[in-house]
Amino acid sequence: MDKEKAAAAFPKLFEDIREVIYQHDPSGLFAMGAPKDEHDDSIHRIISLLQHIHGPEGVQEVLEDAMRDWIADKGDNPKEVCTAMAPAVWTAWSEFRGKVG
């Protein structure tokens, strides 16, 4: 991975994943007016975990690992919520990887 390319491409990856989480609102906090950066720490964790997967099937597990508690606290099924978000996160990750080598 080219570090300079990764540094340049990282903000878009981060924003793309942030947008997926915002749109799905797995914690329910955005519906209550929370700012878009509410889960930024978790996004960093998700990106770090994505580095260890080799296909789209692993994304759901990464998301569930990072967000299980807030989804469950909302009363939703973590696996279902994460499965719904996984394709968009995989697309963002794949685009990032394509840019950075």
Protein backbone atom coordinates (compact mmCIF):
# COMPACT_ATOMS: atom_id res chain seq x y z
CA MET A 1 0.00 0.00 0.00
CA ASP A 2 1.39 3.38 -1.00
CA LYS A 3 1.33 5.52 2.17
CA GLU A 4 1.03 8.84 0.32
CA LYS A 5 -1.86 7.57 -1.78
CA ALA A 6 -3.48 6.10 1.33
CA ALA A 7 -3.20 9.41 3.18
CA ALA A 8 -4.76 11.24 0.23
CA ALA A 9 -7.59 8.69 -0.20
CA PHE A 10 -8.37 8.16 3.50
CA PRO A 11 -10.68 11.18 3.98
CA LYS A 12 -13.03 9.95 1.24
CA LEU A 13 -13.07 6.43 2.68
CA PHE A 14 -13.84 7.82 6.11
CA GLU A 15 -16.61 10.08 4.79
CA ASP A 16 -18.13 7.28 2.71
CA ILE A 17 -18.35 4.97 5.73
CA ARG A 18 -19.62 7.81 7.91
CA GLU A 19 -22.40 8.41 5.38
CA VAL A 20 -23.39 4.72 5.37
CA ILE A 21 -23.65 4.73 9.14
CA TYR A 22 -25.54 8.03 9.11
CA GLN A 23 -28.04 6.75 6.54
CA HIS A 24 -28.68 3.51 8.45
CA ASP A 25 -28.58 5.16 11.90
CA PRO A 26 -27.83 1.89 13.73
CA SER A 27 -27.80 3.56 17.14
CA GLY A 28 -30.86 5.74 16.57
CA LEU A 29 -28.89 8.79 17.71
CA PHE A 30 -28.99 10.64 14.39
CA ALA A 31 -32.78 10.57 14.46
CA MET A 32 -32.51 12.33 17.83
CA GLY A 33 -30.30 15.07 16.39
CA ALA A 34 -26.80 13.75 17.11
CA PRO A 35 -24.07 15.22 14.91
CA LYS A 36 -22.68 13.22 11.99
CA ASP A 37 -19.39 12.72 13.85
CA GLU A 38 -21.11 10.86 16.70
CA HIS A 39 -19.57 7.51 15.75
CA ASP A 40 -16.22 8.65 14.36
CA ASP A 41 -14.24 6.57 16.87
CA SER A 42 -16.10 3.48 15.71
CA ILE A 43 -15.41 4.35 12.06
CA HIS A 44 -11.69 4.38 12.79
CA ARG A 45 -12.08 0.96 14.40
CA ILE A 46 -14.09 -0.35 11.45
CA ILE A 47 -11.43 0.81 8.98
CA SER A 48 -8.71 -0.80 11.05
CA LEU A 49 -10.63 -4.10 11.10
CA LEU A 50 -11.35 -3.95 7.35
CA GLN A 51 -7.63 -4.27 6.73
CA HIS A 52 -7.85 -7.89 7.86
CA ILE A 53 -10.69 -9.11 5.65
CA HIS A 54 -10.45 -10.50 2.15
CA GLY A 55 -13.99 -10.32 0.85
CA PRO A 56 -17.41 -8.77 1.29
CA GLU A 57 -18.62 -11.54 3.59
CA GLY A 58 -16.27 -10.32 6.31
CA VAL A 59 -17.63 -6.77 6.32
CA GLN A 60 -20.81 -7.72 8.17
CA GLU A 61 -18.73 -9.30 10.92
CA VAL A 62 -16.48 -6.23 11.17
CA LEU A 63 -19.48 -3.93 11.43
CA GLU A 64 -21.18 -6.13 13.98
CA ASP A 65 -18.02 -6.32 16.07
CA ALA A 66 -17.71 -2.53 16.11
CA MET A 67 -21.40 -1.64 16.58
CA ARG A 68 -23.16 -4.59 18.22
CA ASP A 69 -23.80 -2.85 21.52
CA TRP A 70 -25.39 0.30 20.14
CA ILE A 71 -27.58 -1.62 17.73
CA ALA A 72 -28.74 -3.95 20.48
CA ASP A 73 -29.36 -1.00 22.81
CA LYS A 74 -31.67 0.43 20.15
CA GLY A 75 -33.51 -2.90 20.11
CA ASP A 76 -32.56 -3.98 16.58
CA ASN A 77 -30.92 -7.19 15.43
CA PRO A 78 -27.20 -6.41 14.98
CA LYS A 79 -26.66 -9.04 12.27
CA GLU A 80 -29.55 -7.73 10.15
CA VAL A 81 -28.51 -4.09 10.48
CA CYS A 82 -24.88 -4.84 9.69
CA THR A 83 -25.78 -7.08 6.76
CA ALA A 84 -27.77 -4.18 5.29
CA MET A 85 -24.80 -1.79 5.63
CA ALA A 86 -22.10 -4.21 4.50
CA PRO A 87 -22.37 -3.84 0.70
CA ALA A 88 -21.89 -0.06 0.78
CA VAL A 89 -18.99 -0.34 3.21
CA TRP A 90 -17.37 -3.01 1.04
CA THR A 91 -17.73 -0.74 -2.01
CA ALA A 92 -16.07 2.16 -0.17
CA TRP A 93 -13.26 -0.10 1.04
CA SER A 94 -12.73 -1.62 -2.42
CA GLU A 95 -12.55 1.84 -4.02
CA PHE A 96 -10.00 2.91 -1.40
CA ARG A 97 -7.88 -0.20 -1.95
CA GLY A 98 -8.01 0.36 -5.70
CA LYS A 99 -6.61 3.87 -5.26
CA VAL A 100 -3.81 2.97 -2.88
CA GLY A 101 -2.59 -0.33 -4.30
